[in-house]
């Protein structure tokens, strides 16, 4: 349903930059890079937990508090405010064909999955997916299957192929069916991701990443880190898998050889949780957001630190490059969404 709401204000500046605690190993910026869009500022208690660009880049969805704000990115005009009734863990737009409608998937801290028609602002349907909270979700690249993980230590696959069909669901029905249920870990599973070729689905399990064949649900292999992981991201060509660890480390594996290629650590960051990761659309850059409010950008696959700045007064909960790669959006626990031009970050 549509809900009226006072729109968030546009903040004049991102969070004040804080000098790096030690000299950086390469020349990087310690000031926020230029942005062509002013930050979005929400009420202080509306923590930004998730954001997502539509596949064509024309829309941006932001979860703040118990609402989803939908913006037209051409001028950042607010198009919809969706009343979810619960805090978000993740958002994802469903990849769609030319005849499909725009569908936004929402994972709630109450364990629900919600599906919204972004054109009408109507909720298509909702279902209970996990006990104790849904932590992460990711669409298979063709948009036909959704993976979700939760605090019940389960990884589930859902057939969502009917959601984007013209005409949508019949009233009172939810055209989403469970395809598979897998034990994703010993405790909660904080992150899940499909590989770009859809041959693997990765789930974070403490210090390990379980890679499974989604067709058979069989365990393909296990990659091991050195501390608990909270975020996962495949590179666009599927050759690299990055994980954010609680001990200030971004670890990058070669998916073919299972070898750790890089262990990237912010200088002198003694206890930073890496909460969010995003590869640029061309795979040249890997962005990481930490519990310290800093956003860092590394060149791939060299591991050169190109940029670091404190863009948020609270932890960076979510990161996403625009589909054209020009902007990096970051959302934080300071109730702010910042937009940074990537070409100013990589100079």
C-alpha atoms as a PDB file:
ATOM      1  CA  UNK A   1       0.000   0.000   0.000  1.00  0.00           C
ATOM      2  CA  UNK A   2       1.006   3.594  -0.433  1.00  0.00           C
ATOM      3  CA  UNK A   3       1.720   5.664   2.635  1.00  0.00           C
ATOM      4  CA  UNK A   4       2.206   9.377   2.970  1.00  0.00           C
ATOM      5  CA  UNK A   5       5.285  10.438   4.851  1.00  0.00           C
ATOM      6  CA  UNK A   6       7.434  13.490   5.343  1.00  0.00           C
ATOM      7  CA  UNK A   7      10.348  12.978   2.966  1.00  0.00           C
ATOM      8  CA  UNK A   8      13.857  12.887   4.357  1.00  0.00           C
ATOM      9  CA  UNK A   9      15.834  16.085   4.139  1.00  0.00           C
ATOM     10  CA  UNK A  10      18.932  16.489   2.040  1.00  0.00           C
ATOM     11  CA  UNK A  11      21.998  16.863   4.204  1.00  0.00           C
ATOM     12  CA  UNK A  12      24.394  19.624   3.297  1.00  0.00           C
ATOM     13  CA  UNK A  13      27.574  17.589   3.763  1.00  0.00           C
ATOM     14  CA  UNK A  14      28.559  13.989   4.538  1.00  0.00           C
ATOM     15  CA  UNK A  15      29.973  13.142   7.921  1.00  0.00           C
ATOM     16  CA  UNK A  16      33.094  15.075   8.834  1.00  0.00           C
ATOM     17  CA  UNK A  17      36.241  13.438   7.557  1.00  0.00           C
ATOM     18  CA  UNK A  18      38.580  12.065  10.178  1.00  0.00           C
ATOM     19  CA  UNK A  19      42.296  11.854   9.375  1.00  0.00           C
ATOM     20  CA  UNK A  20      43.640   8.346   8.994  1.00  0.00           C
ATOM     21  CA  UNK A  21      45.180   7.091  12.260  1.00  0.00           C
ATOM     22  CA  UNK A  22      48.422   6.098  10.534  1.00  0.00           C
ATOM     23  CA  UNK A  23      50.050   6.901   7.193  1.00  0.00           C
ATOM     24  CA  UNK A  24      48.431   4.952   4.371  1.00  0.00           C
ATOM     25  CA  UNK A  25      50.517   2.458   2.390  1.00  0.00           C
ATOM     26  CA  UNK A  26      49.552   4.243  -0.833  1.00  0.00           C
ATOM     27  CA  UNK A  27      48.355   7.715  -1.697  1.00  0.00           C
ATOM     28  CA  UNK A  28      44.685   7.808  -0.777  1.00  0.00           C
ATOM     29  CA  UNK A  29      42.112  10.417   0.051  1.00  0.00           C
ATOM     30  CA  UNK A  30      41.215  11.069   3.682  1.00  0.00           C
ATOM     31  CA  UNK A  31      38.508  13.525   2.600  1.00  0.00           C
ATOM     32  CA  UNK A  32      35.099  12.620   1.203  1.00  0.00           C
ATOM     33  CA  UNK A  33      35.232  12.568  -2.593  1.00  0.00           C
ATOM     34  CA  UNK A  34      33.011  14.781  -4.692  1.00  0.00           C
ATOM     35  CA  UNK A  35      29.401  13.791  -5.203  1.00  0.00           C
ATOM     36  CA  UNK A  36      26.881  14.993  -7.780  1.00  0.00           C
ATOM     37  CA  UNK A  37      23.974  14.295  -5.424  1.00  0.00           C
ATOM     38  CA  UNK A  38      23.465  15.652  -1.927  1.00  0.00           C
ATOM     39  CA  UNK A  39      23.211  13.040   0.826  1.00  0.00           C
ATOM     40  CA  UNK A  40      19.819  11.878   2.047  1.00  0.00           C
ATOM     41  CA  UNK A  41      19.256  12.521   5.750  1.00  0.00           C
ATOM     42  CA  UNK A  42      16.557  10.614   7.640  1.00  0.00           C
ATOM     43  CA  UNK A  43      15.331  11.065  11.212  1.00  0.00           C
ATOM     44  CA  UNK A  44      18.005   9.978  13.671  1.00  0.00           C
ATOM     45  CA  UNK A  45      16.162   6.806  14.697  1.00  0.00           C
ATOM     46  CA  UNK A  46      15.654   5.739  11.033  1.00  0.00           C
ATOM     47  CA  UNK A  47      18.862   3.773  10.697  1.00  0.00           C
ATOM     48  CA  UNK A  48      19.652   2.947   7.071  1.00  0.00           C
ATOM     49  CA  UNK A  49      19.983  -0.832   6.891  1.00  0.00           C
ATOM     50  CA  UNK A  50      19.808  -1.560   3.160  1.00  0.00           C
ATOM     51  CA  UNK A  51      19.723   0.032  -0.277  1.00  0.00           C
ATOM     52  CA  UNK A  52      19.520  -1.248  -3.842  1.00  0.00           C
ATOM     53  CA  UNK A  53      19.612   0.158  -7.385  1.00  0.00           C
ATOM     54  CA  UNK A  54      17.168  -1.149  -9.967  1.00  0.00           C
ATOM     55  CA  UNK A  55      18.875  -3.145 -12.752  1.00  0.00           C
ATOM     56  CA  UNK A  56      18.575  -0.251 -15.221  1.00  0.00           C
ATOM     57  CA  UNK A  57      19.727   2.298 -12.641  1.00  0.00           C
ATOM     58  CA  UNK A  58      16.555   4.392 -12.887  1.00  0.00           C
ATOM     59  CA  UNK A  59      15.444   3.736  -9.296  1.00  0.00           C
ATOM     60  CA  UNK A  60      17.065   3.618  -5.885  1.00  0.00           C
ATOM     61  CA  UNK A  61      15.404   1.878  -2.936  1.00  0.00           C
ATOM     62  CA  UNK A  62      16.455   2.796   0.603  1.00  0.00           C
ATOM     63  CA  UNK A  63      15.296   1.046   3.752  1.00  0.00           C
ATOM     64  CA  UNK A  64      15.229   3.469   6.686  1.00  0.00           C
ATOM     65  CA  UNK A  65      13.378   2.581   9.834  1.00  0.00           C
ATOM     66  CA  UNK A  66      10.233   0.631   8.951  1.00  0.00           C
ATOM     67  CA  UNK A  67       9.868   2.242   5.523  1.00  0.00           C
ATOM     68  CA  UNK A  68      11.260   1.799   2.041  1.00  0.00           C
ATOM     69  CA  UNK A  69      11.820   5.007   0.081  1.00  0.00           C
ATOM     70  CA  UNK A  70      11.856   4.723  -3.723  1.00  0.00           C
ATOM     71  CA  UNK A  71      13.630   7.481  -5.683  1.00  0.00           C
ATOM     72  CA  UNK A  72      13.890   8.260  -9.385  1.00  0.00           C
ATOM     73  CA  UNK A  73      17.642   8.591  -9.749  1.00  0.00           C
ATOM     74  CA  UNK A  74      17.535  11.131 -12.587  1.00  0.00           C
ATOM     75  CA  UNK A  75      16.596  13.880 -10.119  1.00  0.00           C
ATOM     76  CA  UNK A  76      16.303  11.923  -6.824  1.00  0.00           C
ATOM     77  CA  UNK A  77      12.593  12.717  -6.671  1.00  0.00           C
ATOM     78  CA  UNK A  78      10.771  10.527  -4.168  1.00  0.00           C
ATOM     79  CA  UNK A  79       8.304   8.268  -5.977  1.00  0.00           C
ATOM     80  CA  UNK A  80       7.018   5.923  -3.280  1.00  0.00           C
ATOM     81  CA  UNK A  81       7.114   5.352   0.453  1.00  0.00           C
ATOM     82  CA  UNK A  82       6.365   1.737   1.330  1.00  0.00           C
ATOM     83  CA  UNK A  83       5.236   0.864   4.853  1.00  0.00           C
ATOM     84  CA  UNK A  84       6.860  -2.477   5.665  1.00  0.00           C
ATOM     85  CA  UNK A  85       6.040  -2.574   9.375  1.00  0.00           C
ATOM     86  CA  UNK A  86       9.455  -4.022  10.199  1.00  0.00           C
ATOM     87  CA  UNK A  87      13.138  -3.156   9.910  1.00  0.00           C
ATOM     88  CA  UNK A  88      14.988  -4.418   6.863  1.00  0.00           C
ATOM     89  CA  UNK A  89      18.047  -6.603   6.657  1.00  0.00           C
ATOM     90  CA  UNK A  90      18.426  -6.535   2.844  1.00  0.00           C
ATOM     91  CA  UNK A  91      16.774  -5.225  -0.322  1.00  0.00           C
ATOM     92  CA  UNK A  92      17.118  -6.546  -3.867  1.00  0.00           C
ATOM     93  CA  UNK A  93      15.443  -5.724  -7.170  1.00  0.00           C
ATOM     94  CA  UNK A  94      14.413  -8.738  -9.204  1.00  0.00           C
ATOM     95  CA  UNK A  95      16.133  -8.929 -12.589  1.00  0.00           C
ATOM     96  CA  UNK A  96      13.328  -8.848 -15.134  1.00  0.00           C
ATOM     97  CA  UNK A  97      12.524  -9.211 -18.793  1.00  0.00           C
ATOM     98  CA  UNK A  98      11.084  -6.436 -20.963  1.00  0.00           C
ATOM     99  CA  UNK A  99       7.493  -7.486 -20.234  1.00  0.00           C
ATOM    100  CA  UNK A 100       7.897  -7.938 -16.492  1.00  0.00           C
ATOM    101  CA  UNK A 101       7.076  -5.467 -13.776  1.00  0.00           C
ATOM    102  CA  UNK A 102       9.567  -4.109 -11.266  1.00  0.00           C
ATOM    103  CA  UNK A 103       9.627  -6.236  -8.123  1.00  0.00           C
ATOM    104  CA  UNK A 104      11.552  -5.384  -4.969  1.00  0.00           C
ATOM    105  CA  UNK A 105      12.353  -8.109  -2.435  1.00  0.00           C
ATOM    106  CA  UNK A 106      12.688  -7.202   1.237  1.00  0.00           C
ATOM    107  CA  UNK A 107      14.166  -9.318   4.015  1.00  0.00           C
ATOM    108  CA  UNK A 108      12.849  -8.370   7.441  1.00  0.00           C
ATOM    109  CA  UNK A 109      14.307  -8.650  10.899  1.00  0.00           C
ATOM    110  CA  UNK A 110      11.134 -10.547  11.834  1.00  0.00           C
ATOM    111  CA  UNK A 111      12.112 -13.369   9.451  1.00  0.00           C
ATOM    112  CA  UNK A 112       9.767 -12.335   6.664  1.00  0.00           C
ATOM    113  CA  UNK A 113      10.213 -11.950   2.945  1.00  0.00           C
ATOM    114  CA  UNK A 114       8.112  -9.199   1.372  1.00  0.00           C
ATOM    115  CA  UNK A 115       7.665  -8.527  -2.340  1.00  0.00           C
ATOM    116  CA  UNK A 116       6.614  -5.102  -3.631  1.00  0.00           C
ATOM    117  CA  UNK A 117       5.492  -3.775  -6.999  1.00  0.00           C
ATOM    118  CA  UNK A 118       7.603  -0.627  -7.285  1.00  0.00           C
ATOM    119  CA  UNK A 119       5.416   0.891 -10.012  1.00  0.00           C
ATOM    120  CA  UNK A 120       2.204   0.856  -8.005  1.00  0.00           C
ATOM    121  CA  UNK A 121       3.676   0.901  -4.514  1.00  0.00           C
ATOM    122  CA  UNK A 122       1.552  -2.122  -3.617  1.00  0.00           C
ATOM    123  CA  UNK A 123       2.795  -5.094  -1.651  1.00  0.00           C
ATOM    124  CA  UNK A 124       2.405  -8.198  -3.785  1.00  0.00           C
ATOM    125  CA  UNK A 125       2.687 -10.657  -0.920  1.00  0.00           C
ATOM    126  CA  UNK A 126       4.699 -11.698   2.131  1.00  0.00           C
ATOM    127  CA  UNK A 127       5.716 -14.966   3.744  1.00  0.00           C
ATOM    128  CA  UNK A 128       7.591 -16.174   6.805  1.00  0.00           C
ATOM    129  CA  UNK A 129      10.992 -17.361   5.589  1.00  0.00           C
ATOM    130  CA  UNK A 130      13.168 -17.718   8.703  1.00  0.00           C
ATOM    131  CA  UNK A 131      12.826 -17.911  12.445  1.00  0.00           C
ATOM    132  CA  UNK A 132      14.509 -15.122  14.408  1.00  0.00           C
ATOM    133  CA  UNK A 133      15.160 -12.888  11.379  1.00  0.00           C
ATOM    134  CA  UNK A 134      16.071 -12.870   7.701  1.00  0.00           C
ATOM    135  CA  UNK A 135      19.672 -11.763   7.344  1.00  0.00           C
ATOM    136  CA  UNK A 136      20.409 -11.735   3.636  1.00  0.00           C
ATOM    137  CA  UNK A 137      18.912 -12.371   0.221  1.00  0.00           C
ATOM    138  CA  UNK A 138      20.128 -12.515  -3.371  1.00  0.00           C
ATOM    139  CA  UNK A 139      18.438 -13.191  -6.692  1.00  0.00           C
ATOM    140  CA  UNK A 140      19.852 -15.702  -9.119  1.00  0.00           C
ATOM    141  CA  UNK A 141      21.063 -13.644 -12.094  1.00  0.00           C
ATOM    142  CA  UNK A 142      18.069 -14.665 -14.219  1.00  0.00           C
ATOM    143  CA  UNK A 143      15.681 -13.500 -11.501  1.00  0.00           C
ATOM    144  CA  UNK A 144      13.836 -16.822 -11.300  1.00  0.00           C
ATOM    145  CA  UNK A 145      15.172 -17.959  -7.905  1.00  0.00           C
ATOM    146  CA  UNK A 146      15.806 -16.069  -4.677  1.00  0.00           C
ATOM    147  CA  UNK A 147      18.240 -17.257  -1.997  1.00  0.00           C
ATOM    148  CA  UNK A 148      17.680 -16.196   1.611  1.00  0.00           C
ATOM    149  CA  UNK A 149      19.497 -16.843   4.874  1.00  0.00           C
ATOM    150  CA  UNK A 150      18.527 -16.266   8.467  1.00  0.00           C
ATOM    151  CA  UNK A 151      19.277 -16.491  12.151  1.00  0.00           C
ATOM    152  CA  UNK A 152      17.817 -20.004  12.160  1.00  0.00           C
ATOM    153  CA  UNK A 153      21.069 -21.153  10.478  1.00  0.00           C
ATOM    154  CA  UNK A 154      19.152 -22.052   7.317  1.00  0.00           C
ATOM    155  CA  UNK A 155      19.694 -21.242   3.664  1.00  0.00           C
ATOM    156  CA  UNK A 156      16.567 -21.428   1.509  1.00  0.00           C
ATOM    157  CA  UNK A 157      15.905 -21.173  -2.213  1.00  0.00           C
ATOM    158  CA  UNK A 158      12.583 -19.803  -3.479  1.00  0.00           C
ATOM    159  CA  UNK A 159      10.910 -20.022  -6.885  1.00  0.00           C
ATOM    160  CA  UNK A 160       9.945 -16.407  -7.619  1.00  0.00           C
ATOM    161  CA  UNK A 161       9.469 -16.764 -11.367  1.00  0.00           C
ATOM    162  CA  UNK A 162       5.771 -15.820 -11.220  1.00  0.00           C
ATOM    163  CA  UNK A 163       6.319 -12.509  -9.421  1.00  0.00           C
ATOM    164  CA  UNK A 164       7.317 -10.478 -12.471  1.00  0.00           C
ATOM    165  CA  UNK A 165       4.700 -11.965 -14.784  1.00  0.00           C
ATOM    166  CA  UNK A 166       2.273  -9.459 -16.312  1.00  0.00           C
ATOM    167  CA  UNK A 167      -0.836  -9.295 -14.166  1.00  0.00           C
ATOM    168  CA  UNK A 168       0.987 -10.451 -11.046  1.00  0.00           C
ATOM    169  CA  UNK A 169      -0.438 -12.595  -8.292  1.00  0.00           C
ATOM    170  CA  UNK A 170      -4.061 -13.362  -7.628  1.00  0.00           C
ATOM    171  CA  UNK A 171      -5.403 -11.392  -4.651  1.00  0.00           C
ATOM    172  CA  UNK A 172      -4.694 -13.143  -1.365  1.00  0.00           C
ATOM    173  CA  UNK A 173      -2.071 -15.465  -2.849  1.00  0.00           C
ATOM    174  CA  UNK A 174       1.716 -15.487  -2.807  1.00  0.00           C
ATOM    175  CA  UNK A 175       3.162 -17.071  -5.961  1.00  0.00           C
ATOM    176  CA  UNK A 176       6.436 -17.958  -4.225  1.00  0.00           C
ATOM    177  CA  UNK A 177       7.297 -21.569  -3.422  1.00  0.00           C
ATOM    178  CA  UNK A 178      10.189 -23.059  -1.512  1.00  0.00           C
ATOM    179  CA  UNK A 179      12.555 -25.042  -3.720  1.00  0.00           C
ATOM    180  CA  UNK A 180      15.181 -26.122  -1.212  1.00  0.00           C
ATOM    181  CA  UNK A 181      16.138 -25.907   2.446  1.00  0.00           C
ATOM    182  CA  UNK A 182      19.767 -26.349   3.483  1.00  0.00           C
ATOM    183  CA  UNK A 183      21.646 -26.055   6.741  1.00  0.00           C
ATOM    184  CA  UNK A 184      23.683 -22.956   6.072  1.00  0.00           C
ATOM    185  CA  UNK A 185      25.781 -22.910   9.216  1.00  0.00           C
ATOM    186  CA  UNK A 186      26.123 -23.752  12.870  1.00  0.00           C
ATOM    187  CA  UNK A 187      24.492 -20.486  13.954  1.00  0.00           C
ATOM    188  CA  UNK A 188      22.934 -17.618  12.030  1.00  0.00           C
ATOM    189  CA  UNK A 189      23.921 -17.142   8.394  1.00  0.00           C
ATOM    190  CA  UNK A 190      24.659 -13.426   7.929  1.00  0.00           C
ATOM    191  CA  UNK A 191      25.283 -13.384   4.164  1.00  0.00           C
ATOM    192  CA  UNK A 192      24.353 -15.295   1.023  1.00  0.00           C
ATOM    193  CA  UNK A 193      25.288 -14.695  -2.638  1.00  0.00           C
ATOM    194  CA  UNK A 194      24.807 -16.348  -6.024  1.00  0.00           C
ATOM    195  CA  UNK A 195      27.782 -16.589  -8.357  1.00  0.00           C
ATOM    196  CA  UNK A 196      27.227 -14.671 -11.627  1.00  0.00           C
ATOM    197  CA  UNK A 197      26.941 -17.922 -13.599  1.00  0.00           C
ATOM    198  CA  UNK A 198      24.432 -19.287 -11.034  1.00  0.00           C
ATOM    199  CA  UNK A 199      26.551 -22.437 -10.596  1.00  0.00           C
ATOM    200  CA  UNK A 200      27.232 -21.716  -6.913  1.00  0.00           C
ATOM    201  CA  UNK A 201      25.485 -20.193  -3.941  1.00  0.00           C
ATOM    202  CA  UNK A 202      27.770 -19.001  -1.150  1.00  0.00           C
ATOM    203  CA  UNK A 203      26.784 -18.747   2.512  1.00  0.00           C
ATOM    204  CA  UNK A 204      28.830 -17.311   5.367  1.00  0.00           C
ATOM    205  CA  UNK A 205      29.150 -19.652   8.349  1.00  0.00           C
ATOM    206  CA  UNK A 206      31.326 -18.198  11.076  1.00  0.00           C
ATOM    207  CA  UNK A 207      34.910 -18.340   9.782  1.00  0.00           C
ATOM    208  CA  UNK A 208      33.902 -20.434   6.758  1.00  0.00           C
ATOM    209  CA  UNK A 209      32.121 -19.920   3.469  1.00  0.00           C
ATOM    210  CA  UNK A 210      30.063 -22.870   2.261  1.00  0.00           C
ATOM    211  CA  UNK A 211      29.783 -23.074  -1.524  1.00  0.00           C
ATOM    212  CA  UNK A 212      26.911 -25.249  -2.733  1.00  0.00           C
ATOM    213  CA  UNK A 213      25.498 -26.341  -6.055  1.00  0.00           C
ATOM    214  CA  UNK A 214      22.022 -24.749  -6.013  1.00  0.00           C
ATOM    215  CA  UNK A 215      20.664 -27.388  -8.424  1.00  0.00           C
ATOM    216  CA  UNK A 216      21.518 -30.338  -6.169  1.00  0.00           C
ATOM    217  CA  UNK A 217      22.090 -28.498  -2.837  1.00  0.00           C
ATOM    218  CA  UNK A 218      25.308 -30.485  -2.421  1.00  0.00           C
ATOM    219  CA  UNK A 219      28.306 -28.934  -0.726  1.00  0.00           C
ATOM    220  CA  UNK A 220      30.857 -28.118  -3.420  1.00  0.00           C
ATOM    221  CA  UNK A 221      33.672 -26.788  -1.220  1.00  0.00           C
ATOM    222  CA  UNK A 222      34.511 -24.730   1.858  1.00  0.00           C
ATOM    223  CA  UNK A 223      36.685 -21.627   2.003  1.00  0.00           C
ATOM    224  CA  UNK A 224      38.190 -20.738   5.361  1.00  0.00           C
ATOM    225  CA  UNK A 225      38.924 -17.322   6.791  1.00  0.00           C
ATOM    226  CA  UNK A 226      40.438 -16.274  10.104  1.00  0.00           C
ATOM    227  CA  UNK A 227      37.447 -14.689  11.854  1.00  0.00           C
ATOM    228  CA  UNK A 228      33.681 -14.503  11.540  1.00  0.00           C
ATOM    229  CA  UNK A 229      32.350 -13.068   8.265  1.00  0.00           C
ATOM    230  CA  UNK A 230      29.422 -10.709   7.813  1.00  0.00           C
ATOM    231  CA  UNK A 231      29.416  -9.807   4.100  1.00  0.00           C
ATOM    232  CA  UNK A 232      29.991 -11.625   0.789  1.00  0.00           C
ATOM    233  CA  UNK A 233      30.391 -10.421  -2.797  1.00  0.00           C
ATOM    234  CA  UNK A 234      31.287 -12.135  -6.065  1.00  0.00           C
ATOM    235  CA  UNK A 235      33.118 -10.152  -8.719  1.00  0.00           C
ATOM    236  CA  UNK A 236      31.005  -9.574 -11.855  1.00  0.00           C
ATOM    237  CA  UNK A 237      32.894 -12.222 -13.852  1.00  0.00           C
ATOM    238  CA  UNK A 238      32.705 -14.699 -10.980  1.00  0.00           C
ATOM    239  CA  UNK A 239      36.448 -15.196 -10.683  1.00  0.00           C
ATOM    240  CA  UNK A 240      36.747 -13.613  -7.210  1.00  0.00           C
ATOM    241  CA  UNK A 241      34.819 -13.978  -3.974  1.00  0.00           C
ATOM    242  CA  UNK A 242      35.283 -11.366  -1.257  1.00  0.00           C
ATOM    243  CA  UNK A 243      34.285 -11.653   2.396  1.00  0.00           C
ATOM    244  CA  UNK A 244      34.229  -9.053   5.146  1.00  0.00           C
ATOM    245  CA  UNK A 245      35.565 -10.269   8.494  1.00  0.00           C
ATOM    246  CA  UNK A 246      35.149  -8.970  12.028  1.00  0.00           C
ATOM    247  CA  UNK A 247      38.894  -8.494  12.509  1.00  0.00           C
ATOM    248  CA  UNK A 248      39.331  -5.575  10.138  1.00  0.00           C
ATOM    249  CA  UNK A 249      39.997  -7.772   7.111  1.00  0.00           C
ATOM    250  CA  UNK A 250      38.582  -8.118   3.618  1.00  0.00           C
ATOM    251  CA  UNK A 251      39.614 -11.514   2.275  1.00  0.00           C
ATOM    252  CA  UNK A 252      39.527 -12.255  -1.463  1.00  0.00           C
ATOM    253  CA  UNK A 253      39.658 -15.768  -2.935  1.00  0.00           C
ATOM    254  CA  UNK A 254      40.267 -17.066  -6.432  1.00  0.00           C
ATOM    255  CA  UNK A 255      37.093 -19.097  -7.002  1.00  0.00           C
ATOM    256  CA  UNK A 256      38.768 -21.510  -9.414  1.00  0.00           C
ATOM    257  CA  UNK A 257      41.829 -22.371  -7.307  1.00  0.00           C
ATOM    258  CA  UNK A 258      40.305 -21.746  -3.832  1.00  0.00           C
ATOM    259  CA  UNK A 259      43.437 -19.780  -2.957  1.00  0.00           C
ATOM    260  CA  UNK A 260      43.390 -16.606  -0.875  1.00  0.00           C
ATOM    261  CA  UNK A 261      44.633 -13.899  -3.227  1.00  0.00           C
ATOM    262  CA  UNK A 262      44.360 -10.923  -0.897  1.00  0.00           C
ATOM    263  CA  UNK A 263      43.916 -10.175   2.799  1.00  0.00           C
ATOM    264  CA  UNK A 264      43.191  -6.445   2.907  1.00  0.00           C
ATOM    265  CA  UNK A 265      43.301  -4.661   6.252  1.00  0.00           C
ATOM    266  CA  UNK A 266      42.722  -0.962   6.951  1.00  0.00           C
ATOM    267  CA  UNK A 267      45.843   0.571   8.523  1.00  0.00           C
ATOM    268  CA  UNK A 268      45.813   0.495  12.326  1.00  0.00           C
ATOM    269  CA  UNK A 269      42.152  -0.517  12.468  1.00  0.00           C
ATOM    270  CA  UNK A 270      42.382  -2.710  15.543  1.00  0.00           C
ATOM    271  CA  UNK A 271      38.760  -3.822  15.809  1.00  0.00           C
ATOM    272  CA  UNK A 272      36.662  -2.963  12.780  1.00  0.00           C
ATOM    273  CA  UNK A 273      33.847  -5.177  11.561  1.00  0.00           C
ATOM    274  CA  UNK A 274      33.550  -5.152   7.767  1.00  0.00           C
ATOM    275  CA  UNK A 275      29.780  -4.988   7.386  1.00  0.00           C
ATOM    276  CA  UNK A 276      29.313  -4.302   3.671  1.00  0.00           C
ATOM    277  CA  UNK A 277      31.065  -5.068   0.375  1.00  0.00           C
ATOM    278  CA  UNK A 278      30.437  -4.194  -3.262  1.00  0.00           C
ATOM    279  CA  UNK A 279      32.338  -4.776  -6.508  1.00  0.00           C
ATOM    280  CA  UNK A 280      32.133  -2.131  -9.201  1.00  0.00           C
ATOM    281  CA  UNK A 281      30.215  -3.278 -12.314  1.00  0.00           C
ATOM    282  CA  UNK A 282      33.445  -3.759 -14.287  1.00  0.00           C
ATOM    283  CA  UNK A 283      35.138  -5.617 -11.414  1.00  0.00           C
ATOM    284  CA  UNK A 284      38.027  -3.164 -11.187  1.00  0.00           C
ATOM    285  CA  UNK A 285      37.249  -1.971  -7.654  1.00  0.00           C
ATOM    286  CA  UNK A 286      36.093  -3.458  -4.383  1.00  0.00           C
ATOM    287  CA  UNK A 287      34.440  -1.161  -1.840  1.00  0.00           C
ATOM    288  CA  UNK A 288      34.158  -2.022   1.847  1.00  0.00           C
ATOM    289  CA  UNK A 289      32.221  -0.335   4.622  1.00  0.00           C
ATOM    290  CA  UNK A 290      33.187  -0.780   8.252  1.00  0.00           C
ATOM    291  CA  UNK A 291      31.742  -0.397  11.708  1.00  0.00           C
ATOM    292  CA  UNK A 292      34.041   2.643  12.074  1.00  0.00           C
ATOM    293  CA  UNK A 293      32.077   4.629   9.464  1.00  0.00           C
ATOM    294  CA  UNK A 294      34.876   4.488   6.891  1.00  0.00           C
ATOM    295  CA  UNK A 295      34.469   3.548   3.243  1.00  0.00           C
ATOM    296  CA  UNK A 296      37.540   2.115   1.539  1.00  0.00           C
ATOM    297  CA  UNK A 297      38.185   1.262  -2.089  1.00  0.00           C
ATOM    298  CA  UNK A 298      40.732  -1.270  -3.294  1.00  0.00           C
ATOM    299  CA  UNK A 299      41.881  -1.880  -6.845  1.00  0.00           C
ATOM    300  CA  UNK A 300      41.341  -5.432  -8.095  1.00  0.00           C
ATOM    301  CA  UNK A 301      43.226  -7.701  -8.359  1.00  0.00           C
ATOM    302  CA  UNK A 302      46.320  -5.740  -7.237  1.00  0.00           C
ATOM    303  CA  UNK A 303      44.917  -4.919  -3.788  1.00  0.00           C
ATOM    304  CA  UNK A 304      46.095  -1.300  -3.985  1.00  0.00           C
ATOM    305  CA  UNK A 305      44.221   0.917  -1.543  1.00  0.00           C
ATOM    306  CA  UNK A 306      42.971   3.797  -3.675  1.00  0.00           C
ATOM    307  CA  UNK A 307      40.623   5.646  -1.340  1.00  0.00           C
ATOM    308  CA  UNK A 308      39.631   5.847   2.311  1.00  0.00           C
ATOM    309  CA  UNK A 309      37.384   8.342   4.045  1.00  0.00           C
ATOM    310  CA  UNK A 310      35.011   8.450   6.970  1.00  0.00           C
ATOM    311  CA  UNK A 311      31.704   9.066   5.222  1.00  0.00           C
ATOM    312  CA  UNK A 312      29.414   8.143   8.132  1.00  0.00           C
ATOM    313  CA  UNK A 313      29.234   8.968  11.814  1.00  0.00           C
ATOM    314  CA  UNK A 314      27.980   5.412  12.446  1.00  0.00           C
ATOM    315  CA  UNK A 315      28.793   2.045  10.932  1.00  0.00           C
ATOM    316  CA  UNK A 316      28.425   1.584   7.160  1.00  0.00           C
ATOM    317  CA  UNK A 317      25.614  -0.948   6.890  1.00  0.00           C
ATOM    318  CA  UNK A 318      25.175  -1.088   3.108  1.00  0.00           C
ATOM    319  CA  UNK A 319      27.038  -0.256  -0.118  1.00  0.00           C
ATOM    320  CA  UNK A 320      26.018  -0.413  -3.778  1.00  0.00           C
ATOM    321  CA  UNK A 321      27.527   0.842  -7.035  1.00  0.00           C
ATOM    322  CA  UNK A 322      25.098   2.270  -9.566  1.00  0.00           C
ATOM    323  CA  UNK A 323      24.743  -0.038 -12.600  1.00  0.00           C
ATOM    324  CA  UNK A 324      26.769   2.376 -14.759  1.00  0.00           C
ATOM    325  CA  UNK A 325      29.533   2.430 -12.132  1.00  0.00           C
ATOM    326  CA  UNK A 326      29.536   6.221 -11.779  1.00  0.00           C
ATOM    327  CA  UNK A 327      28.253   6.413  -8.210  1.00  0.00           C
ATOM    328  CA  UNK A 328      28.842   4.529  -5.001  1.00  0.00           C
ATOM    329  CA  UNK A 329      25.929   4.789  -2.583  1.00  0.00           C
ATOM    330  CA  UNK A 330      26.618   4.121   1.089  1.00  0.00           C
ATOM    331  CA  UNK A 331      24.091   3.869   3.896  1.00  0.00           C
ATOM    332  CA  UNK A 332      24.897   4.078   7.565  1.00  0.00           C
ATOM    333  CA  UNK A 333      23.683   3.815  11.112  1.00  0.00           C
ATOM    334  CA  UNK A 334      23.819   7.624  11.216  1.00  0.00           C
ATOM    335  CA  UNK A 335      20.593   7.599   9.131  1.00  0.00           C
ATOM    336  CA  UNK A 336      22.385   9.019   6.079  1.00  0.00           C
ATOM    337  CA  UNK A 337      22.833   7.849   2.484  1.00  0.00           C
ATOM    338  CA  UNK A 338      25.874   9.327   0.756  1.00  0.00           C
ATOM    339  CA  UNK A 339      26.646   9.359  -2.972  1.00  0.00           C
ATOM    340  CA  UNK A 340      30.263   9.431  -4.109  1.00  0.00           C
ATOM    341  CA  UNK A 341      31.541   9.827  -7.670  1.00  0.00           C
ATOM    342  CA  UNK A 342      33.809   6.880  -8.343  1.00  0.00           C
ATOM    343  CA  UNK A 343      36.107   8.702 -10.739  1.00  0.00           C
ATOM    344  CA  UNK A 344      37.049  11.103  -7.931  1.00  0.00           C
ATOM    345  CA  UNK A 345      37.737   8.136  -5.622  1.00  0.00           C
ATOM    346  CA  UNK A 346      40.062   6.370  -8.047  1.00  0.00           C
ATOM    347  CA  UNK A 347      42.263   9.274  -9.157  1.00  0.00           C
END
